[in-house]
Structure formats: C-alpha cells, structure tokens
Amino acid sequence: MDTGVSQRACIKGNISAFPNHSGMKKRHIPAILIILGALIIFAGCTSTEVPSPATPIPTAVPVSSAPTTVPQPSFSLGDHYLQRSYSFSNGSDVYSEQFYVDDPSWGIDFNITTLNDNTSLCWFTLDVIDSNTNQTDHYGFGRTFSNETDQKIPRYATGPFQFQMKGNFVKVVVTAAKRYP
C-alpha cells in the first residue's frame, strides 16, 4: 500500500479546492491605489513647495590635506645671537648650534631655498631647546609644517639655547637675534 501517493493526491485536491479570488483582486486595485495616493498627499510626502531663499542648503566643502599657511608675525631683528647658512642634501644631515640670549624679546627667522624641483622632497626641521629647562619647541618647513619659505618666530625667554636642525634638499639661512616690535 502506497500512502504517499494518496496523501499527495489529497493535498493536491485540497489546493485546487480553494476558490479563485483573482477577479476580486483586479476590482480592488484602483481603489487601493486611490487610498494610498490620498494617504501620501495627506502625509505631505508629495509637497510641491520650493524652499524659500532663506532656507540654508547644505553643501560639501572641499578638504585639503596640504599644510596650511600660518600668518607670520611682523617684527624686525636687531643684534644677532646667531646667523648662518646651512645646506641639507639628504635627510641624514644634522647641524647643532648653541648660543646665549640676554634679552627676553628675541626672535628666530629662517629663510628656505629648495634645492630640488620636486618640492615634496624638500623639508627642514628646527628644534629650539631651552638648555635651562630642556623644553623643546619644534618648527619647520614642508612635510607636516607650513610651506612658507620665510618664517619668523617670536621668543620670550633668556638663557642658553640650542638649535638642532635637520633637512633634505634645502638651503636655509637661520637667524636668532634681538627682536624689535
């Protein structure tokens, strides 16, 4: 006795016994669409209003990853504590200078000349070390520093200082001197 065949016939027979409502569905489609359209209009989703000019419209702002230009302080330099020219032909060139500052109103000026047409390879770092406190301030050109080739930095402490300088494909004139506002 094969009960599987009779059960399949019974199931098939029961499925075909359901009434066909396709005619009722076709009649109700326009009514359903009209009701949905009315709901959308009442919900305000199809508003045809144009935003007033006072309404701010968000816009994309371009983002630059290049170093920014920092406004330079305006001052002139007087009597020099240090004034020298240095040339850096590769990233391993290092110079160090020591000097004593006797006036709290002094400043640093460095002027860069790039030595390579590909300026992305040109950089300079200047670490200013206060020998009394071992506090180090970092300045520079290129890489993560400004691309300004002439930079002035005001300083406000007296005592012994040390400059440690590194660079690549640049010639730099470094001046440390009394500052005149």
C-alpha atoms as a PDB file:
ATOM      1  CA  MET A   1       0.000   0.000   0.000  1.00  0.00           C
ATOM      2  CA  ASP A   2       1.491   3.360  -1.057  1.00  0.00           C
ATOM      3  CA  THR A   3       0.183   6.021   1.331  1.00  0.00           C
ATOM      4  CA  GLY A   4       2.470   8.685  -0.095  1.00  0.00           C
ATOM      5  CA  VAL A   5       0.586   8.755  -3.404  1.00  0.00           C
ATOM      6  CA  SER A   6      -2.820   9.100  -1.790  1.00  0.00           C
ATOM      7  CA  GLN A   7      -1.638  11.875   0.553  1.00  0.00           C
ATOM      8  CA  ARG A   8      -0.183  13.818  -2.390  1.00  0.00           C
ATOM      9  CA  ALA A   9      -3.424  13.452  -4.311  1.00  0.00           C
ATOM     10  CA  CYS A  10      -5.367  14.640  -1.278  1.00  0.00           C
ATOM     11  CA  ILE A  11      -3.158  17.693  -0.806  1.00  0.00           C
ATOM     12  CA  LYS A  12      -3.307  18.492  -4.498  1.00  0.00           C
ATOM     13  CA  GLY A  13      -7.048  18.075  -4.438  1.00  0.00           C
ATOM     14  CA  ASN A  14      -7.381  20.372  -1.412  1.00  0.00           C
ATOM     15  CA  ILE A  15      -5.263  23.109  -3.000  1.00  0.00           C
ATOM     16  CA  SER A  16      -7.333  23.101  -6.125  1.00  0.00           C
ATOM     17  CA  ALA A  17     -10.447  23.266  -3.962  1.00  0.00           C
ATOM     18  CA  PHE A  18      -9.639  26.849  -2.783  1.00  0.00           C
ATOM     19  CA  PRO A  19     -11.760  29.466  -4.560  1.00  0.00           C
ATOM     20  CA  ASN A  20     -10.090  31.724  -7.137  1.00  0.00           C
ATOM     21  CA  HIS A  21     -10.306  35.356  -5.984  1.00  0.00           C
ATOM     22  CA  SER A  22      -8.322  36.891  -8.840  1.00  0.00           C
ATOM     23  CA  GLY A  23     -11.413  38.723 -10.134  1.00  0.00           C
ATOM     24  CA  MET A  24     -11.946  40.390  -6.765  1.00  0.00           C
ATOM     25  CA  LYS A  25      -8.308  41.487  -6.610  1.00  0.00           C
ATOM     26  CA  LYS A  26      -8.494  43.181 -10.004  1.00  0.00           C
ATOM     27  CA  ARG A  27     -11.578  45.144  -8.991  1.00  0.00           C
ATOM     28  CA  HIS A  28      -9.947  46.444  -5.804  1.00  0.00           C
ATOM     29  CA  ILE A  29      -6.613  47.571  -7.283  1.00  0.00           C
ATOM     30  CA  PRO A  30      -7.829  51.046  -8.419  1.00  0.00           C
ATOM     31  CA  ALA A  31      -9.471  51.645  -5.040  1.00  0.00           C
ATOM     32  CA  ILE A  32      -6.300  50.613  -3.176  1.00  0.00           C
ATOM     33  CA  LEU A  33      -4.167  52.917  -5.348  1.00  0.00           C
ATOM     34  CA  ILE A  34      -6.521  55.846  -4.761  1.00  0.00           C
ATOM     35  CA  ILE A  35      -6.415  55.279  -0.993  1.00  0.00           C
ATOM     36  CA  LEU A  36      -2.582  55.052  -0.997  1.00  0.00           C
ATOM     37  CA  GLY A  37      -2.324  58.219  -3.086  1.00  0.00           C
ATOM     38  CA  ALA A  38      -4.640  60.070  -0.688  1.00  0.00           C
ATOM     39  CA  LEU A  39      -2.543  58.921   2.306  1.00  0.00           C
ATOM     40  CA  ILE A  40       0.673  60.135   0.664  1.00  0.00           C
ATOM     41  CA  ILE A  41      -0.820  63.536  -0.129  1.00  0.00           C
ATOM     42  CA  PHE A  42      -2.217  63.942   3.404  1.00  0.00           C
ATOM     43  CA  ALA A  43       1.148  62.904   4.854  1.00  0.00           C
ATOM     44  CA  GLY A  44       2.832  65.740   2.955  1.00  0.00           C
ATOM     45  CA  CYS A  45       5.273  63.479   1.111  1.00  0.00           C
ATOM     46  CA  THR A  46       4.453  64.975  -2.274  1.00  0.00           C
ATOM     47  CA  SER A  47       4.847  68.616  -1.311  1.00  0.00           C
ATOM     48  CA  THR A  48       5.471  70.802  -4.329  1.00  0.00           C
ATOM     49  CA  GLU A  49       6.690  73.770  -2.266  1.00  0.00           C
ATOM     50  CA  VAL A  50      10.081  75.215  -3.197  1.00  0.00           C
ATOM     51  CA  PRO A  51      12.296  76.070  -0.190  1.00  0.00           C
ATOM     52  CA  SER A  52      12.488  79.778   0.466  1.00  0.00           C
ATOM     53  CA  PRO A  53      15.819  81.510  -0.267  1.00  0.00           C
ATOM     54  CA  ALA A  54      16.390  81.961   3.478  1.00  0.00           C
ATOM     55  CA  THR A  55      16.466  78.188   3.995  1.00  0.00           C
ATOM     56  CA  PRO A  56      20.118  77.086   4.197  1.00  0.00           C
ATOM     57  CA  ILE A  57      21.024  74.331   1.798  1.00  0.00           C
ATOM     58  CA  PRO A  58      23.882  72.097   2.950  1.00  0.00           C
ATOM     59  CA  THR A  59      26.809  71.994   0.554  1.00  0.00           C
ATOM     60  CA  ALA A  60      30.004  69.989   0.518  1.00  0.00           C
ATOM     61  CA  VAL A  61      33.184  71.813   1.469  1.00  0.00           C
ATOM     62  CA  PRO A  62      36.423  70.595  -0.118  1.00  0.00           C
ATOM     63  CA  VAL A  63      39.001  69.421   2.393  1.00  0.00           C
ATOM     64  CA  SER A  64      42.683  69.941   1.752  1.00  0.00           C
ATOM     65  CA  SER A  65      45.307  67.714   3.288  1.00  0.00           C
ATOM     66  CA  ALA A  66      48.138  70.105   2.444  1.00  0.00           C
ATOM     67  CA  PRO A  67      49.730  72.066   5.288  1.00  0.00           C
ATOM     68  CA  THR A  68      48.016  75.353   5.946  1.00  0.00           C
ATOM     69  CA  THR A  69      49.560  78.784   5.704  1.00  0.00           C
ATOM     70  CA  VAL A  70      50.060  80.333   9.132  1.00  0.00           C
ATOM     71  CA  PRO A  71      50.015  84.140   9.387  1.00  0.00           C
ATOM     72  CA  GLN A  72      53.511  85.389  10.129  1.00  0.00           C
ATOM     73  CA  PRO A  73      54.154  87.831  12.972  1.00  0.00           C
ATOM     74  CA  SER A  74      55.559  91.169  11.936  1.00  0.00           C
ATOM     75  CA  PHE A  75      58.779  92.260  13.588  1.00  0.00           C
ATOM     76  CA  SER A  76      62.336  93.142  12.688  1.00  0.00           C
ATOM     77  CA  LEU A  77      65.558  91.703  14.086  1.00  0.00           C
ATOM     78  CA  GLY A  78      68.422  93.628  15.622  1.00  0.00           C
ATOM     79  CA  ASP A  79      71.721  92.398  17.124  1.00  0.00           C
ATOM     80  CA  HIS A  80      72.357  88.768  16.162  1.00  0.00           C
ATOM     81  CA  TYR A  81      72.952  85.889  18.532  1.00  0.00           C
ATOM     82  CA  LEU A  82      73.361  83.555  15.555  1.00  0.00           C
ATOM     83  CA  GLN A  83      73.224  83.990  11.774  1.00  0.00           C
ATOM     84  CA  ARG A  84      74.381  81.179   9.482  1.00  0.00           C
ATOM     85  CA  SER A  85      73.587  79.430   6.244  1.00  0.00           C
ATOM     86  CA  TYR A  86      73.196  75.641   6.154  1.00  0.00           C
ATOM     87  CA  SER A  87      72.812  73.271   3.212  1.00  0.00           C
ATOM     88  CA  PHE A  88      70.995  69.937   3.550  1.00  0.00           C
ATOM     89  CA  SER A  89      71.462  67.474   0.696  1.00  0.00           C
ATOM     90  CA  ASN A  90      69.880  64.397   2.313  1.00  0.00           C
ATOM     91  CA  GLY A  91      67.706  63.541   5.318  1.00  0.00           C
ATOM     92  CA  SER A  92      70.665  62.496   7.463  1.00  0.00           C
ATOM     93  CA  ASP A  93      72.376  65.938   7.513  1.00  0.00           C
ATOM     94  CA  VAL A  94      72.230  67.373  11.066  1.00  0.00           C
ATOM     95  CA  TYR A  95      73.562  70.659  12.463  1.00  0.00           C
ATOM     96  CA  SER A  96      73.607  71.882  16.047  1.00  0.00           C
ATOM     97  CA  GLU A  97      74.335  75.381  17.387  1.00  0.00           C
ATOM     98  CA  GLN A  98      74.481  76.783  20.943  1.00  0.00           C
ATOM     99  CA  PHE A  99      74.203  80.430  21.988  1.00  0.00           C
ATOM    100  CA  TYR A 100      73.177  82.592  24.927  1.00  0.00           C
ATOM    101  CA  VAL A 101      70.208  85.017  24.835  1.00  0.00           C
ATOM    102  CA  ASP A 102      70.445  88.065  27.118  1.00  0.00           C
ATOM    103  CA  ASP A 103      67.190  89.850  26.113  1.00  0.00           C
ATOM    104  CA  PRO A 104      63.733  88.260  26.613  1.00  0.00           C
ATOM    105  CA  SER A 105      62.496  89.949  23.454  1.00  0.00           C
ATOM    106  CA  TRP A 106      64.172  87.958  20.695  1.00  0.00           C
ATOM    107  CA  GLY A 107      63.155  86.028  17.630  1.00  0.00           C
ATOM    108  CA  ILE A 108      64.087  83.441  15.059  1.00  0.00           C
ATOM    109  CA  ASP A 109      63.963  83.908  11.307  1.00  0.00           C
ATOM    110  CA  PHE A 110      64.668  81.187   8.785  1.00  0.00           C
ATOM    111  CA  ASN A 111      64.597  81.517   5.038  1.00  0.00           C
ATOM    112  CA  ILE A 112      64.360  78.376   2.861  1.00  0.00           C
ATOM    113  CA  THR A 113      65.626  77.817  -0.673  1.00  0.00           C
ATOM    114  CA  THR A 114      64.549  74.461  -2.126  1.00  0.00           C
ATOM    115  CA  LEU A 115      67.249  72.518  -3.980  1.00  0.00           C
ATOM    116  CA  ASN A 116      65.003  70.071  -5.852  1.00  0.00           C
ATOM    117  CA  ASP A 117      62.264  70.635  -8.454  1.00  0.00           C
ATOM    118  CA  ASN A 118      60.104  68.119  -6.587  1.00  0.00           C
ATOM    119  CA  THR A 119      59.318  70.284  -3.549  1.00  0.00           C
ATOM    120  CA  SER A 120      57.558  67.394  -1.773  1.00  0.00           C
ATOM    121  CA  LEU A 121      61.065  66.001  -1.130  1.00  0.00           C
ATOM    122  CA  CYS A 122      62.257  69.293   0.435  1.00  0.00           C
ATOM    123  CA  TRP A 123      61.886  69.758   4.194  1.00  0.00           C
ATOM    124  CA  PHE A 124      63.557  71.349   7.220  1.00  0.00           C
ATOM    125  CA  THR A 125      63.107  70.962  10.988  1.00  0.00           C
ATOM    126  CA  LEU A 126      64.374  73.277  13.705  1.00  0.00           C
ATOM    127  CA  ASP A 127      64.228  72.128  17.325  1.00  0.00           C
ATOM    128  CA  VAL A 128      64.755  75.011  19.760  1.00  0.00           C
ATOM    129  CA  ILE A 129      65.930  73.668  23.118  1.00  0.00           C
ATOM    130  CA  ASP A 130      65.955  75.817  26.265  1.00  0.00           C
ATOM    131  CA  SER A 131      69.057  74.396  27.991  1.00  0.00           C
ATOM    132  CA  ASN A 132      67.844  75.544  31.458  1.00  0.00           C
ATOM    133  CA  THR A 133      64.505  73.697  31.306  1.00  0.00           C
ATOM    134  CA  ASN A 134      65.132  71.164  28.483  1.00  0.00           C
ATOM    135  CA  GLN A 135      61.869  72.360  26.911  1.00  0.00           C
ATOM    136  CA  THR A 136      61.915  71.771  23.161  1.00  0.00           C
ATOM    137  CA  ASP A 137      59.837  73.651  20.594  1.00  0.00           C
ATOM    138  CA  HIS A 138      59.564  72.336  17.035  1.00  0.00           C
ATOM    139  CA  TYR A 139      59.425  74.477  13.890  1.00  0.00           C
ATOM    140  CA  GLY A 140      59.937  73.660  10.251  1.00  0.00           C
ATOM    141  CA  PHE A 141      59.178  73.711   6.560  1.00  0.00           C
ATOM    142  CA  GLY A 142      57.465  71.027   4.458  1.00  0.00           C
ATOM    143  CA  ARG A 143      56.125  67.632   5.500  1.00  0.00           C
ATOM    144  CA  THR A 144      53.716  68.429   8.364  1.00  0.00           C
ATOM    145  CA  PHE A 145      54.948  72.033   8.722  1.00  0.00           C
ATOM    146  CA  SER A 146      53.994  75.122   6.742  1.00  0.00           C
ATOM    147  CA  ASN A 147      55.239  75.539   3.171  1.00  0.00           C
ATOM    148  CA  GLU A 148      56.164  79.168   3.860  1.00  0.00           C
ATOM    149  CA  THR A 149      59.786  79.705   2.803  1.00  0.00           C
ATOM    150  CA  ASP A 150      60.336  82.687   5.151  1.00  0.00           C
ATOM    151  CA  GLN A 151      59.245  82.207   8.751  1.00  0.00           C
ATOM    152  CA  LYS A 152      59.568  84.474  11.801  1.00  0.00           C
ATOM    153  CA  ILE A 153      59.084  83.142  15.332  1.00  0.00           C
ATOM    154  CA  PRO A 154      58.961  85.430  18.397  1.00  0.00           C
ATOM    155  CA  ARG A 155      60.619  84.131  21.578  1.00  0.00           C
ATOM    156  CA  TYR A 156      60.343  85.398  25.178  1.00  0.00           C
ATOM    157  CA  ALA A 157      62.965  83.776  27.465  1.00  0.00           C
ATOM    158  CA  THR A 158      66.625  84.424  28.254  1.00  0.00           C
ATOM    159  CA  GLY A 159      69.411  81.931  28.865  1.00  0.00           C
ATOM    160  CA  PRO A 160      71.318  79.251  26.963  1.00  0.00           C
ATOM    161  CA  PHE A 161      69.627  77.804  23.885  1.00  0.00           C
ATOM    162  CA  GLN A 162      70.480  75.111  21.385  1.00  0.00           C
ATOM    163  CA  PHE A 163      69.264  74.719  17.804  1.00  0.00           C
ATOM    164  CA  GLN A 164      69.150  71.222  16.305  1.00  0.00           C
ATOM    165  CA  MET A 165      68.484  71.292  12.574  1.00  0.00           C
ATOM    166  CA  LYS A 166      67.746  68.582  10.018  1.00  0.00           C
ATOM    167  CA  GLY A 167      66.688  68.849   6.412  1.00  0.00           C
ATOM    168  CA  ASN A 168      66.538  67.441   2.935  1.00  0.00           C
ATOM    169  CA  PHE A 169      67.209  69.250  -0.377  1.00  0.00           C
ATOM    170  CA  VAL A 170      67.142  72.737   1.162  1.00  0.00           C
ATOM    171  CA  LYS A 171      69.477  75.642   1.844  1.00  0.00           C
ATOM    172  CA  VAL A 172      68.496  77.561   4.997  1.00  0.00           C
ATOM    173  CA  VAL A 173      69.620  80.894   6.416  1.00  0.00           C
ATOM    174  CA  VAL A 174      68.888  80.826  10.172  1.00  0.00           C
ATOM    175  CA  THR A 175      68.972  83.964  12.313  1.00  0.00           C
ATOM    176  CA  ALA A 176      68.444  84.320  16.067  1.00  0.00           C
ATOM    177  CA  ALA A 177      68.511  87.968  17.162  1.00  0.00           C
ATOM    178  CA  LYS A 178      67.043  90.638  19.401  1.00  0.00           C
ATOM    179  CA  ARG A 179      63.512  91.447  18.303  1.00  0.00           C
ATOM    180  CA  TYR A 180      62.098  94.884  17.627  1.00  0.00           C
ATOM    181  CA  PRO A 181      58.287  95.052  17.575  1.00  0.00           C
END
